[in-house]
Protein backbone atom coordinates (compact mmCIF):
# COMPACT_ATOMS: atom_id res chain seq x y z
CA MET A 1 -7.42 10.37 14.97
CA GLY A 2 -10.48 12.80 14.86
CA ARG A 3 -13.51 11.69 12.62
CA SER A 4 -14.15 13.36 9.39
CA LYS A 5 -16.84 12.82 6.90
CA ALA A 6 -16.17 9.70 4.72
CA GLY A 7 -16.00 10.28 0.90
CA SER A 8 -18.93 9.44 -1.52
CA GLY A 9 -18.70 6.10 -3.61
CA SER A 10 -15.94 7.09 -6.01
CA ILE A 11 -12.42 8.41 -5.61
CA PRO A 12 -12.51 11.55 -7.63
CA GLN A 13 -8.88 13.04 -9.45
CA THR A 14 -6.95 15.99 -8.46
CA ARG A 15 -4.60 16.90 -11.28
CA GLY A 16 -2.45 19.52 -9.62
CA MET A 17 -0.75 16.86 -7.51
CA GLN A 18 2.17 15.46 -9.53
CA ARG A 19 4.48 14.22 -6.66
CA GLU A 20 3.91 12.57 -3.47
CA THR A 21 5.77 15.43 -1.53
CA ASP A 22 2.50 17.51 -2.81
CA LEU A 23 0.47 15.57 -0.44
CA TYR A 24 2.29 16.43 2.51
CA PRO A 25 1.54 19.97 3.31
CA PRO A 26 -2.43 19.50 3.40
CA VAL A 27 -2.07 16.19 5.25
CA LYS A 28 0.37 17.87 7.71
CA ARG A 29 -2.05 20.96 8.29
CA TYR A 30 -4.92 18.47 8.54
CA LEU A 31 -3.20 16.42 11.32
CA GLU A 32 -2.01 19.55 13.09
CA SER A 33 -5.58 20.82 13.22
CA LEU A 34 -6.37 17.85 15.41
CA GLY A 35 -3.82 18.60 17.97
CA TYR A 36 -0.75 16.48 16.59
CA VAL A 37 2.70 17.30 16.20
CA VAL A 38 3.82 16.23 12.53
CA LYS A 39 7.26 15.45 10.94
CA GLY A 40 8.15 14.00 7.73
CA GLU A 41 10.39 11.10 6.89
CA VAL A 42 10.95 9.64 10.06
CA LYS A 43 12.58 6.20 10.24
CA GLY A 44 11.53 5.51 6.67
CA CYS A 45 7.68 6.45 7.34
CA ASP A 46 6.33 9.42 5.07
CA VAL A 47 4.44 11.22 7.89
CA VAL A 48 4.52 10.66 11.80
CA ALA A 49 2.02 12.32 13.92
CA ALA A 50 2.20 12.23 17.61
CA ARG A 51 -0.42 13.38 20.07
CA GLY A 52 0.48 12.54 23.92
CA ASP A 53 0.56 8.62 23.60
CA GLU A 54 -1.23 8.37 20.17
CA LEU A 55 0.93 7.71 17.19
CA VAL A 56 -0.24 7.73 13.57
CA VAL A 57 1.78 6.92 10.45
CA VAL A 58 0.44 7.94 7.06
CA GLU A 59 2.02 6.84 3.82
CA LEU A 60 1.82 9.13 0.79
CA LYS A 61 1.32 7.72 -2.44
CA ARG A 62 0.08 8.99 -5.89
CA HIS A 63 -1.53 5.70 -6.98
CA PHE A 64 -2.86 2.61 -5.17
CA SER A 65 -0.42 -0.26 -5.58
CA THR A 66 0.47 -3.51 -4.07
CA ALA A 67 3.78 -2.19 -2.72
CA VAL A 68 2.08 0.87 -0.72
CA LEU A 69 -0.35 -2.03 0.87
CA ILE A 70 2.81 -3.83 1.83
CA GLN A 71 4.48 -0.84 3.39
CA ALA A 72 1.38 0.19 5.20
CA VAL A 73 0.69 -3.18 6.63
CA ASP A 74 4.64 -3.23 7.71
CA ARG A 75 3.91 0.02 9.55
CA GLN A 76 1.16 -1.70 11.55
CA ALA A 77 4.21 -3.37 13.78
CA ILE A 78 4.70 0.22 14.84
CA THR A 79 1.09 1.46 15.31
CA ASP A 80 -2.28 0.45 14.65
CA ALA A 81 -3.09 3.91 13.32
CA VAL A 82 -1.76 3.61 9.81
CA TYR A 83 -3.28 5.68 6.92
CA ILE A 84 -2.55 5.51 3.12
CA ALA A 85 -2.85 9.03 1.66
CA VAL A 86 -3.67 9.34 -2.12
CA PRO A 87 -5.27 12.33 -4.37
CA ARG A 88 -8.65 12.63 -4.47
CA GLN A 89 -9.54 11.68 -7.97
CA LYS A 90 -12.11 13.10 -10.86
CA GLY A 91 -13.60 10.89 -13.31
CA GLY A 92 -12.34 7.49 -14.12
CA GLY A 93 -9.53 6.52 -11.88
CA MET A 94 -10.63 4.51 -8.99
CA ARG A 95 -14.29 4.60 -9.70
CA GLY A 96 -14.64 0.83 -11.01
CA ARG A 97 -12.93 -0.71 -8.26
CA TRP A 98 -13.48 1.76 -5.43
CA LYS A 99 -15.90 -0.58 -3.49
CA GLY A 100 -13.23 -3.45 -3.60
CA VAL A 101 -10.37 -0.88 -2.49
CA ARG A 102 -12.34 -0.15 0.45
CA ARG A 103 -13.19 -3.61 1.43
CA LEU A 104 -9.68 -4.40 1.06
CA LEU A 105 -8.29 -1.66 3.33
CA ARG A 106 -11.00 -2.59 5.81
CA ARG A 107 -10.09 -6.14 5.89
CA LEU A 108 -6.11 -5.02 6.31
CA GLU A 109 -7.41 -2.28 9.01
CA LEU A 110 -5.89 0.45 7.24
CA GLY A 111 -7.32 4.03 6.83
CA LEU A 112 -7.58 6.03 3.94
CA LEU A 113 -7.15 9.69 3.35
CA LEU A 114 -8.26 11.45 0.21
CA VAL A 115 -6.14 14.74 -0.51
CA SER A 116 -7.23 17.32 -2.92
CA ASP A 117 -6.08 20.72 -4.06
CA GLU A 118 -9.11 21.93 -6.24
CA PRO A 119 -10.68 25.20 -5.04
CA GLY A 120 -13.69 24.97 -2.73
CA THR A 121 -12.96 21.29 -1.93
CA VAL A 122 -11.99 20.00 1.52
CA PRO A 123 -8.21 19.37 1.61
CA VAL A 124 -8.20 16.23 3.10
CA THR A 125 -11.02 13.74 3.77
CA VAL A 126 -11.08 10.67 5.86
CA ALA A 127 -12.51 8.05 3.57
CA LEU A 128 -11.95 5.02 5.99
CA HIS A 129 -10.43 4.96 9.68
CA PRO A 130 -8.27 2.06 10.82
CA ALA A 131 -10.68 -0.28 12.61
CA PRO A 132 -10.56 -4.11 13.38
CA CYS A 133 -12.25 -5.95 10.77
CA PRO A 134 -13.79 -9.24 12.14
CA ARG A 135 -13.86 -11.69 9.37
CA ARG A 136 -17.39 -12.68 8.55
CA ARG A 137 -18.37 -15.63 6.24
CA ARG A 138 -21.10 -15.24 3.66
CA ASN A 139 -22.80 -18.67 4.64
CA ARG A 140 -25.12 -18.63 1.80
CA ASP A 141 -22.33 -17.80 -0.92
CA ARG A 142 -20.03 -20.63 0.63
CA GLN A 143 -22.82 -23.09 0.31
CA ALA A 144 -23.70 -22.13 -3.46
CA LEU A 145 -20.08 -22.40 -4.07
CA LEU A 146 -19.82 -25.88 -2.39
CA ARG A 147 -22.75 -27.13 -4.18
CA GLU A 148 -21.69 -26.06 -7.48
CA PHE A 149 -18.43 -27.64 -6.66
CA ARG A 150 -19.67 -31.13 -5.66
CA GLU A 151 -22.30 -31.17 -8.49
CA ARG A 152 -19.78 -30.76 -11.40
CA THR A 153 -18.93 -34.42 -12.50
CA GLY A 154 -15.36 -33.42 -13.08
CA ASP A 155 -12.93 -30.51 -14.22
CA GLN A 156 -14.13 -29.45 -17.36
CA ASN A 157 -12.85 -25.83 -17.23
CA VAL A 158 -9.26 -24.14 -17.29
CA GLY A 159 -8.82 -21.74 -14.40
CA GLY A 160 -8.16 -18.16 -15.58
CA SER A 161 -10.17 -18.37 -18.70
CA ARG A 162 -12.03 -15.65 -20.09
CA ALA A 163 -14.65 -14.86 -22.82
CA VAL A 164 -15.34 -18.72 -23.14
CA PRO A 165 -18.40 -20.73 -22.03
CA ILE A 166 -18.15 -22.25 -18.67
CA ILE A 167 -19.27 -25.66 -18.04
CA THR A 168 -21.25 -25.21 -14.84
CA ALA A 169 -23.29 -28.15 -13.10
CA TYR A 170 -26.30 -26.61 -14.83
CA ARG A 171 -25.21 -26.95 -18.18
CA GLU A 172 -23.95 -30.43 -17.48
CA ARG A 173 -27.35 -31.36 -16.61
CA ALA A 174 -28.60 -29.63 -19.77
CA VAL A 175 -26.65 -31.58 -21.60
CA ARG A 176 -27.58 -34.67 -20.05
CA ILE A 177 -31.17 -33.88 -21.22
CA ALA A 178 -30.22 -33.28 -24.47
CA TYR A 179 -28.12 -36.33 -24.84
CA PHE A 180 -31.11 -38.71 -23.85
CA LEU A 181 -33.50 -36.97 -26.06
CA ASP A 182 -31.15 -37.38 -28.96
CA ALA A 183 -30.60 -41.05 -28.00
CA ALA A 184 -34.50 -41.71 -27.80
CA GLY A 185 -34.89 -40.02 -31.06
CA GLU A 186 -38.30 -38.99 -30.04
CA PRO A 187 -39.93 -36.74 -27.65
CA LEU A 188 -39.98 -37.59 -23.83
CA THR A 189 -41.82 -36.53 -20.63
CA PRO A 190 -39.56 -35.00 -17.48
CA ARG A 191 -40.54 -38.33 -15.77
CA GLN A 192 -39.03 -40.63 -18.65
CA LEU A 193 -35.96 -38.52 -18.42
CA ARG A 194 -35.48 -38.70 -14.72
CA ALA A 195 -35.77 -42.19 -14.94
CA LEU A 196 -32.76 -42.02 -17.25
CA GLY A 197 -30.74 -40.08 -14.56
CA THR A 198 -31.09 -36.52 -15.53
CA GLY A 199 -31.88 -35.33 -12.11
CA ALA A 200 -34.58 -33.93 -9.91
CA ASP A 201 -34.53 -30.34 -11.63
CA THR A 202 -35.18 -31.93 -15.13
CA THR A 203 -38.90 -30.15 -15.62
CA GLU A 204 -37.24 -26.89 -14.46
CA ILE A 205 -34.59 -27.05 -16.91
CA LEU A 206 -36.81 -27.92 -19.84
CA TYR A 207 -39.23 -24.91 -18.86
CA ARG A 208 -36.52 -22.66 -18.66
CA ASN A 209 -34.96 -23.64 -21.72
CA VAL A 210 -31.90 -21.26 -21.11
CA TYR A 211 -29.93 -22.38 -24.03
CA GLY A 212 -32.65 -23.00 -26.74
CA TRP A 213 -32.07 -26.55 -26.89
CA PHE A 214 -35.57 -27.85 -25.72
CA GLU A 215 -39.25 -27.52 -27.26
CA ARG A 216 -42.36 -28.51 -25.73
CA VAL A 217 -44.51 -30.49 -28.38
CA ARG A 218 -47.37 -30.93 -26.10
CA ARG A 219 -48.13 -30.44 -22.50
CA GLY A 220 -45.41 -32.26 -20.59
CA VAL A 221 -43.66 -33.73 -23.28
CA TYR A 222 -40.41 -32.30 -24.96
CA THR A 223 -37.88 -32.47 -27.88
CA LEU A 224 -34.74 -31.62 -28.93
CA THR A 225 -34.23 -28.54 -31.01
CA ASP A 226 -31.92 -28.05 -33.94
CA VAL A 227 -30.06 -25.81 -31.85
CA GLY A 228 -29.54 -28.40 -29.11
CA ARG A 229 -28.83 -31.25 -31.33
CA ASP A 230 -26.05 -29.05 -33.20
CA ALA A 231 -24.70 -28.18 -29.64
CA LEU A 232 -24.21 -31.94 -28.85
CA PRO A 233 -20.92 -32.61 -30.56
CA GLU A 234 -19.13 -29.93 -28.25
CA TYR A 235 -20.43 -31.64 -25.32
CA ARG A 236 -20.55 -35.31 -26.04
CA HIS A 237 -17.50 -35.94 -24.09
CA LEU A 238 -19.36 -35.11 -20.80
CA MET A 239 -21.49 -38.08 -21.12
CA GLU A 240 -18.36 -40.28 -22.11
CA GLU A 241 -16.55 -39.36 -19.18
CA GLU A 242 -19.67 -40.45 -16.78
CA PRO A 243 -18.94 -43.65 -14.87
C-alpha cells in the first residue's frame, strides 16, 4: 500500500466517530485514492481492497483490544497486508502506551491507520505499515537479567507484587554487610567484611549507602546506622536461609 507520513509520538482523539462504521468512508476514500477497488464486509473482513494482485485487509475498531489483534493476525492467513484502523485520539487515550502499541504491532507485522474527522486534519494517516520484523535480542539486558537471577540466593519475592520493596541481589548483599557489622558489634573495614563473605562490591555498597544503613566513622572503616539496625529484623531470614 502507498506510503503516508507516519503519525507523531501519541495517538490523539477524534470525538465524532462513535461507531466503527464511521471509520469506513474515510478509509475507503483513502484506499481508492491509491488505486484500490474497495468493498466492505467481505467474508467477515471489515474492509477489503484489491489492486491487481495486491490484497489489503483493514479491521475497523474504535479501541485497541486483544480481540482486534487476534482478528488481525487471523487475517494474515489471507494476506500479509493487514491493517487495524482506529480513531485518531486527542489528549489522553493511547498516549501513555503508544510506544508499546507500536512495538507490539511491529512485532505482529500489522499496519495501523489513524482516522480523523476533525476539520483541517488529514482524514487517514498511516502510522505503521506491515513489514517483516526480525526478532532482535538486547544482549545487554539479557545478561543483566541473568546476572540478577543468578546472584539472588533464593526466591524471596512473590511474582506480580506491586508497591512493595523487591529483594534484589544488591539488597541481599547490603543485608549481608549489615548483618556482619551488627554481629561484630564494632566498625569494620571492607577487607574485613569481604573476608566474612560479603562479596567483591562491598566497598561500593558501603560508599553508595543506598539505603542509609552504613556510616563511615573514619577513612576505610564503617559502622551500622540505627536505620540499618532497625531494618535487620525484616531481612534476617536471608542470612538464616544461606547454606
